[in-house]
Amino acid sequence: MTCFYCKGTMAESTTTHFAELDNCCVIIKNVPCMKCYQCGEVVYTAAFAQRIEQIIDSLEKALTEIAVVNYSAA
């Protein structure tokens, strides 16, 4: 797969996803992705993106300002 931005080579990797909500910040570690070796651009598959949204939705109602979770454990 080639990068949409720089046309570099993308490979399977993991990344940390950040989301800032109205009442808290969510950090999801070790999210599977495709990452460009040249520019660092990250692309998620539809299944992983949907799971990220589910995790964020569940934590949006939490009574905390910062939530840090591991993707595989969530």
PDB file of N, CA and C in Angstrom:
ATOM      1  N   MET A   1       0.848  -1.176   0.000  1.00  0.00           N
ATOM      2  CA  MET A   1       0.000   0.000   0.000  1.00  0.00           C
ATOM      3  C   MET A   1       0.896   1.243   0.000  1.00  0.00           C
ATOM      4  N   THR A   2       0.482   2.271  -0.729  1.00  0.00           N
ATOM      5  CA  THR A   2       1.251   3.509  -0.747  1.00  0.00           C
ATOM      6  C   THR A   2       0.487   4.604  -0.020  1.00  0.00           C
ATOM      7  N   CYS A   3       1.214   5.535   0.536  1.00  0.00           N
ATOM      8  CA  CYS A   3       0.659   6.650   1.302  1.00  0.00           C
ATOM      9  C   CYS A   3      -0.116   7.586   0.369  1.00  0.00           C
ATOM     10  N   PHE A   4      -1.272   8.044   0.828  1.00  0.00           N
ATOM     11  CA  PHE A   4      -2.093   8.968   0.042  1.00  0.00           C
ATOM     12  C   PHE A   4      -1.433  10.334  -0.105  1.00  0.00           C
ATOM     13  N   TYR A   5      -0.597  10.714   0.874  1.00  0.00           N
ATOM     14  CA  TYR A   5      -0.009  12.059   0.880  1.00  0.00           C
ATOM     15  C   TYR A   5       1.340  12.132   0.179  1.00  0.00           C
ATOM     16  N   CYS A   6       2.264  11.240   0.573  1.00  0.00           N
ATOM     17  CA  CYS A   6       3.627  11.365   0.049  1.00  0.00           C
ATOM     18  C   CYS A   6       4.023  10.242  -0.904  1.00  0.00           C
ATOM     19  N   LYS A   7       3.129   9.266  -1.089  1.00  0.00           N
ATOM     20  CA  LYS A   7       3.376   8.106  -1.952  1.00  0.00           C
ATOM     21  C   LYS A   7       4.464   7.190  -1.412  1.00  0.00           C
ATOM     22  N   GLY A   8       4.767   7.312  -0.111  1.00  0.00           N
ATOM     23  CA  GLY A   8       5.739   6.427   0.524  1.00  0.00           C
ATOM     24  C   GLY A   8       5.120   5.066   0.801  1.00  0.00           C
ATOM     25  N   THR A   9       5.924   4.162   1.330  1.00  0.00           N
ATOM     26  CA  THR A   9       5.481   2.799   1.632  1.00  0.00           C
ATOM     27  C   THR A   9       4.813   2.748   2.998  1.00  0.00           C
ATOM     28  N   MET A  10       3.637   2.100   3.047  1.00  0.00           N
ATOM     29  CA  MET A  10       2.925   1.937   4.311  1.00  0.00           C
ATOM     30  C   MET A  10       3.029   0.483   4.739  1.00  0.00           C
ATOM     31  N   ALA A  11       3.101   0.273   6.052  1.00  0.00           N
ATOM     32  CA  ALA A  11       3.206  -1.073   6.596  1.00  0.00           C
ATOM     33  C   ALA A  11       2.356  -1.178   7.852  1.00  0.00           C
ATOM     34  N   GLU A  12       2.008  -2.413   8.219  1.00  0.00           N
ATOM     35  CA  GLU A  12       1.242  -2.632   9.437  1.00  0.00           C
ATOM     36  C   GLU A  12       2.063  -2.183  10.633  1.00  0.00           C
ATOM     37  N   SER A  13       1.384  -1.513  11.574  1.00  0.00           N
ATOM     38  CA  SER A  13       2.051  -0.985  12.750  1.00  0.00           C
ATOM     39  C   SER A  13       1.002  -0.760  13.831  1.00  0.00           C
ATOM     40  N   THR A  14       1.389  -0.104  14.904  1.00  0.00           N
ATOM     41  CA  THR A  14       0.457   0.347  15.930  1.00  0.00           C
ATOM     42  C   THR A  14       0.725   1.811  16.206  1.00  0.00           C
ATOM     43  N   THR A  15      -0.286   2.494  16.732  1.00  0.00           N
ATOM     44  CA  THR A  15      -0.153   3.907  17.031  1.00  0.00           C
ATOM     45  C   THR A  15      -0.949   4.237  18.286  1.00  0.00           C
ATOM     46  N   THR A  16      -0.831   5.448  18.752  1.00  0.00           N
ATOM     47  CA  THR A  16      -1.629   5.949  19.857  1.00  0.00           C
ATOM     48  C   THR A  16      -2.612   6.961  19.296  1.00  0.00           C
ATOM     49  N   HIS A  17      -3.897   6.753  19.590  1.00  0.00           N
ATOM     50  CA  HIS A  17      -4.962   7.620  19.078  1.00  0.00           C
ATOM     51  C   HIS A  17      -5.416   8.571  20.185  1.00  0.00           C
ATOM     52  N   PHE A  18      -5.489   9.867  19.875  1.00  0.00           N
ATOM     53  CA  PHE A  18      -5.938  10.881  20.821  1.00  0.00           C
ATOM     54  C   PHE A  18      -7.286  11.434  20.370  1.00  0.00           C
ATOM     55  N   ALA A  19      -8.190  11.635  21.315  1.00  0.00           N
ATOM     56  CA  ALA A  19      -9.475  12.256  21.012  1.00  0.00           C
ATOM     57  C   ALA A  19      -9.812  13.238  22.125  1.00  0.00           C
ATOM     58  N   GLU A  20     -10.131  14.468  21.746  1.00  0.00           N
ATOM     59  CA  GLU A  20     -10.522  15.475  22.730  1.00  0.00           C
ATOM     60  C   GLU A  20     -12.030  15.666  22.645  1.00  0.00           C
ATOM     61  N   LEU A  21     -12.716  15.358  23.730  1.00  0.00           N
ATOM     62  CA  LEU A  21     -14.160  15.481  23.799  1.00  0.00           C
ATOM     63  C   LEU A  21     -14.518  16.722  24.607  1.00  0.00           C
ATOM     64  N   ASP A  22     -15.801  16.998  24.741  1.00  0.00           N
ATOM     65  CA  ASP A  22     -16.230  18.172  25.505  1.00  0.00           C
ATOM     66  C   ASP A  22     -15.789  18.105  26.958  1.00  0.00           C
ATOM     67  N   ASN A  23     -15.886  16.912  27.560  1.00  0.00           N
ATOM     68  CA  ASN A  23     -15.626  16.805  28.990  1.00  0.00           C
ATOM     69  C   ASN A  23     -14.368  16.032  29.355  1.00  0.00           C
ATOM     70  N   CYS A  24     -13.663  15.465  28.374  1.00  0.00           N
ATOM     71  CA  CYS A  24     -12.457  14.711  28.712  1.00  0.00           C
ATOM     72  C   CYS A  24     -11.574  14.493  27.483  1.00  0.00           C
ATOM     73  N   CYS A  25     -10.385  13.990  27.737  1.00  0.00           N
ATOM     74  CA  CYS A  25      -9.453  13.589  26.686  1.00  0.00           C
ATOM     75  C   CYS A  25      -9.291  12.078  26.765  1.00  0.00           C
ATOM     76  N   VAL A  26      -9.321  11.412  25.621  1.00  0.00           N
ATOM     77  CA  VAL A  26      -9.190   9.961  25.564  1.00  0.00           C
ATOM     78  C   VAL A  26      -7.911   9.623  24.809  1.00  0.00           C
ATOM     79  N   ILE A  27      -7.108   8.746  25.390  1.00  0.00           N
ATOM     80  CA  ILE A  27      -5.880   8.269  24.760  1.00  0.00           C
ATOM     81  C   ILE A  27      -6.003   6.754  24.651  1.00  0.00           C
ATOM     82  N   ILE A  28      -5.932   6.245  23.419  1.00  0.00           N
ATOM     83  CA  ILE A  28      -6.022   4.805  23.176  1.00  0.00           C
ATOM     84  C   ILE A  28      -4.671   4.354  22.640  1.00  0.00           C
ATOM     85  N   LYS A  29      -4.008   3.481  23.393  1.00  0.00           N
ATOM     86  CA  LYS A  29      -2.670   3.029  23.033  1.00  0.00           C
ATOM     87  C   LYS A  29      -2.724   1.723  22.244  1.00  0.00           C
ATOM     88  N   ASN A  30      -1.718   1.484  21.434  1.00  0.00           N
ATOM     89  CA  ASN A  30      -1.519   0.239  20.688  1.00  0.00           C
ATOM     90  C   ASN A  30      -2.656  -0.067  19.715  1.00  0.00           C
ATOM     91  N   VAL A  31      -3.103   0.944  18.976  1.00  0.00           N
ATOM     92  CA  VAL A  31      -4.162   0.764  17.990  1.00  0.00           C
ATOM     93  C   VAL A  31      -3.533   0.253  16.685  1.00  0.00           C
ATOM     94  N   PRO A  32      -4.012  -0.890  16.166  1.00  0.00           N
ATOM     95  CA  PRO A  32      -3.480  -1.394  14.890  1.00  0.00           C
ATOM     96  C   PRO A  32      -3.781  -0.414  13.758  1.00  0.00           C
ATOM     97  N   CYS A  33      -2.823  -0.234  12.861  1.00  0.00           N
ATOM     98  CA  CYS A  33      -2.996   0.712  11.763  1.00  0.00           C
ATOM     99  C   CYS A  33      -2.019   0.389  10.639  1.00  0.00           C
ATOM    100  N   MET A  34      -2.140   1.162   9.571  1.00  0.00           N
ATOM    101  CA  MET A  34      -1.136   1.176   8.513  1.00  0.00           C
ATOM    102  C   MET A  34      -0.416   2.513   8.658  1.00  0.00           C
ATOM    103  N   LYS A  35       0.921   2.484   8.725  1.00  0.00           N
ATOM    104  CA  LYS A  35       1.691   3.710   8.955  1.00  0.00           C
ATOM    105  C   LYS A  35       2.730   3.881   7.865  1.00  0.00           C
ATOM    106  N   CYS A  36       2.856   5.125   7.377  1.00  0.00           N
ATOM    107  CA  CYS A  36       3.831   5.439   6.343  1.00  0.00           C
ATOM    108  C   CYS A  36       5.224   5.579   6.959  1.00  0.00           C
ATOM    109  N   TYR A  37       6.185   4.898   6.358  1.00  0.00           N
ATOM    110  CA  TYR A  37       7.568   4.996   6.835  1.00  0.00           C
ATOM    111  C   TYR A  37       8.170   6.366   6.549  1.00  0.00           C
ATOM    112  N   GLN A  38       7.702   7.023   5.508  1.00  0.00           N
ATOM    113  CA  GLN A  38       8.297   8.291   5.086  1.00  0.00           C
ATOM    114  C   GLN A  38       7.747   9.487   5.863  1.00  0.00           C
ATOM    115  N   CYS A  39       6.420   9.651   5.907  1.00  0.00           N
ATOM    116  CA  CYS A  39       5.843  10.852   6.541  1.00  0.00           C
ATOM    117  C   CYS A  39       5.121  10.576   7.859  1.00  0.00           C
ATOM    118  N   GLY A  40       4.887   9.296   8.190  1.00  0.00           N
ATOM    119  CA  GLY A  40       4.238   8.961   9.448  1.00  0.00           C
ATOM    120  C   GLY A  40       2.718   8.993   9.416  1.00  0.00           C
ATOM    121  N   GLU A  41       2.121   9.203   8.247  1.00  0.00           N
ATOM    122  CA  GLU A  41       0.658   9.222   8.116  1.00  0.00           C
ATOM    123  C   GLU A  41       0.083   7.882   8.586  1.00  0.00           C
ATOM    124  N   VAL A  42      -1.041   7.942   9.316  1.00  0.00           N
ATOM    125  CA  VAL A  42      -1.679   6.759   9.871  1.00  0.00           C
ATOM    126  C   VAL A  42      -3.045   6.560   9.213  1.00  0.00           C
ATOM    127  N   VAL A  43      -3.351   5.314   8.842  1.00  0.00           N
ATOM    128  CA  VAL A  43      -4.637   4.966   8.253  1.00  0.00           C
ATOM    129  C   VAL A  43      -5.192   3.769   9.025  1.00  0.00           C
ATOM    130  N   TYR A  44      -6.489   3.857   9.418  1.00  0.00           N
ATOM    131  CA  TYR A  44      -7.161   2.763  10.108  1.00  0.00           C
ATOM    132  C   TYR A  44      -8.075   2.025   9.140  1.00  0.00           C
ATOM    133  N   THR A  45      -8.245   0.719   9.340  1.00  0.00           N
ATOM    134  CA  THR A  45      -9.253  -0.010   8.581  1.00  0.00           C
ATOM    135  C   THR A  45     -10.618   0.368   9.146  1.00  0.00           C
ATOM    136  N   ALA A  46     -11.670   0.059   8.418  1.00  0.00           N
ATOM    137  CA  ALA A  46     -13.024   0.394   8.871  1.00  0.00           C
ATOM    138  C   ALA A  46     -13.343  -0.284  10.201  1.00  0.00           C
ATOM    139  N   ALA A  47     -12.940  -1.529  10.364  1.00  0.00           N
ATOM    140  CA  ALA A  47     -13.219  -2.259  11.603  1.00  0.00           C
ATOM    141  C   ALA A  47     -12.516  -1.617  12.794  1.00  0.00           C
ATOM    142  N   PHE A  48     -11.260  -1.217  12.624  1.00  0.00           N
ATOM    143  CA  PHE A  48     -10.530  -0.590  13.722  1.00  0.00           C
ATOM    144  C   PHE A  48     -11.089   0.789  14.033  1.00  0.00           C
ATOM    145  N   ALA A  49     -11.477   1.527  13.011  1.00  0.00           N
ATOM    146  CA  ALA A  49     -12.066   2.856  13.224  1.00  0.00           C
ATOM    147  C   ALA A  49     -13.390   2.741  13.974  1.00  0.00           C
ATOM    148  N   GLN A  50     -14.182   1.740  13.645  1.00  0.00           N
ATOM    149  CA  GLN A  50     -15.450   1.531  14.340  1.00  0.00           C
ATOM    150  C   GLN A  50     -15.209   1.177  15.807  1.00  0.00           C
ATOM    151  N   ARG A  51     -14.217   0.336  16.070  1.00  0.00           N
ATOM    152  CA  ARG A  51     -13.903  -0.050  17.459  1.00  0.00           C
ATOM    153  C   ARG A  51     -13.400   1.163  18.243  1.00  0.00           C
ATOM    154  N   ILE A  52     -12.609   2.016  17.621  1.00  0.00           N
ATOM    155  CA  ILE A  52     -12.140   3.244  18.281  1.00  0.00           C
ATOM    156  C   ILE A  52     -13.341   4.102  18.677  1.00  0.00           C
ATOM    157  N   GLU A  53     -14.300   4.256  17.777  1.00  0.00           N
ATOM    158  CA  GLU A  53     -15.502   5.039  18.079  1.00  0.00           C
ATOM    159  C   GLU A  53     -16.286   4.430  19.230  1.00  0.00           C
ATOM    160  N   GLN A  54     -16.378   3.105  19.293  1.00  0.00           N
ATOM    161  CA  GLN A  54     -17.071   2.440  20.392  1.00  0.00           C
ATOM    162  C   GLN A  54     -16.374   2.713  21.723  1.00  0.00           C
ATOM    163  N   ILE A  55     -15.058   2.643  21.722  1.00  0.00           N
ATOM    164  CA  ILE A  55     -14.294   2.902  22.945  1.00  0.00           C
ATOM    165  C   ILE A  55     -14.504   4.347  23.393  1.00  0.00           C
ATOM    166  N   ILE A  56     -14.432   5.286  22.456  1.00  0.00           N
ATOM    167  CA  ILE A  56     -14.610   6.702  22.785  1.00  0.00           C
ATOM    168  C   ILE A  56     -16.012   6.953  23.307  1.00  0.00           C
ATOM    169  N   ASP A  57     -17.016   6.364  22.669  1.00  0.00           N
ATOM    170  CA  ASP A  57     -18.398   6.543  23.129  1.00  0.00           C
ATOM    171  C   ASP A  57     -18.592   6.031  24.550  1.00  0.00           C
ATOM    172  N   SER A  58     -17.976   4.899  24.873  1.00  0.00           N
ATOM    173  CA  SER A  58     -18.129   4.348  26.219  1.00  0.00           C
ATOM    174  C   SER A  58     -17.425   5.201  27.267  1.00  0.00           C
ATOM    175  N   LEU A  59     -16.318   5.836  26.891  1.00  0.00           N
ATOM    176  CA  LEU A  59     -15.571   6.651  27.849  1.00  0.00           C
ATOM    177  C   LEU A  59     -16.085   8.079  27.941  1.00  0.00           C
ATOM    178  N   GLU A  60     -16.904   8.492  26.980  1.00  0.00           N
ATOM    179  CA  GLU A  60     -17.426   9.858  26.967  1.00  0.00           C
ATOM    180  C   GLU A  60     -18.293  10.134  28.196  1.00  0.00           C
ATOM    181  N   LYS A  61     -18.925   9.095  28.711  1.00  0.00           N
ATOM    182  CA  LYS A  61     -19.799   9.244  29.864  1.00  0.00           C
ATOM    183  C   LYS A  61     -19.061   9.061  31.187  1.00  0.00           C
ATOM    184  N   ALA A  62     -17.786   8.749  31.134  1.00  0.00           N
ATOM    185  CA  ALA A  62     -16.993   8.532  32.345  1.00  0.00           C
ATOM    186  C   ALA A  62     -16.804   9.838  33.106  1.00  0.00           C
ATOM    187  N   LEU A  63     -16.641   9.715  34.392  1.00  0.00           N
ATOM    188  CA  LEU A  63     -16.459  10.894  35.235  1.00  0.00           C
ATOM    189  C   LEU A  63     -14.977  11.174  35.451  1.00  0.00           C
ATOM    190  N   THR A  64     -14.252  11.296  34.363  1.00  0.00           N
ATOM    191  CA  THR A  64     -12.829  11.572  34.432  1.00  0.00           C
ATOM    192  C   THR A  64     -12.451  12.569  33.347  1.00  0.00           C
ATOM    193  N   GLU A  65     -11.388  13.317  33.583  1.00  0.00           N
ATOM    194  CA  GLU A  65     -10.948  14.294  32.586  1.00  0.00           C
ATOM    195  C   GLU A  65     -10.020  13.680  31.554  1.00  0.00           C
ATOM    196  N   ILE A  66      -9.236  12.677  31.971  1.00  0.00           N
ATOM    197  CA  ILE A  66      -8.313  12.013  31.056  1.00  0.00           C
ATOM    198  C   ILE A  66      -8.483  10.508  31.212  1.00  0.00           C
ATOM    199  N   ALA A  67      -8.672   9.815  30.095  1.00  0.00           N
ATOM    200  CA  ALA A  67      -8.787   8.354  30.109  1.00  0.00           C
ATOM    201  C   ALA A  67      -7.717   7.783  29.193  1.00  0.00           C
ATOM    202  N   VAL A  68      -6.936   6.843  29.721  1.00  0.00           N
ATOM    203  CA  VAL A  68      -5.898   6.169  28.935  1.00  0.00           C
ATOM    204  C   VAL A  68      -6.243   4.685  28.942  1.00  0.00           C
ATOM    205  N   VAL A  69      -6.442   4.100  27.753  1.00  0.00           N
ATOM    206  CA  VAL A  69      -6.786   2.690  27.661  1.00  0.00           C
ATOM    207  C   VAL A  69      -5.922   2.013  26.608  1.00  0.00           C
ATOM    208  N   ASN A  70      -5.760   0.705  26.779  1.00  0.00           N
ATOM    209  CA  ASN A  70      -5.038  -0.104  25.794  1.00  0.00           C
ATOM    210  C   ASN A  70      -6.077  -0.661  24.834  1.00  0.00           C
ATOM    211  N   TYR A  71      -5.871  -0.543  23.543  1.00  0.00           N
ATOM    212  CA  TYR A  71      -6.824  -0.975  22.525  1.00  0.00           C
ATOM    213  C   TYR A  71      -7.238  -2.425  22.720  1.00  0.00           C
ATOM    214  N   SER A  72      -6.286  -3.304  22.921  1.00  0.00           N
ATOM    215  CA  SER A  72      -6.585  -4.734  23.000  1.00  0.00           C
ATOM    216  C   SER A  72      -7.336  -5.099  24.275  1.00  0.00           C
ATOM    217  N   ALA A  73      -7.209  -4.300  25.329  1.00  0.00           N
ATOM    218  CA  ALA A  73      -7.895  -4.579  26.588  1.00  0.00           C
ATOM    219  C   ALA A  73      -9.252  -3.905  26.681  1.00  0.00           C
ATOM    220  N   ALA A  74      -9.538  -2.962  25.793  1.00  0.00           N
ATOM    221  CA  ALA A  74     -10.784  -2.204  25.893  1.00  0.00           C
ATOM    222  C   ALA A  74     -11.954  -2.940  25.287  1.00  0.00           C
TER     223      ALA A  74
END
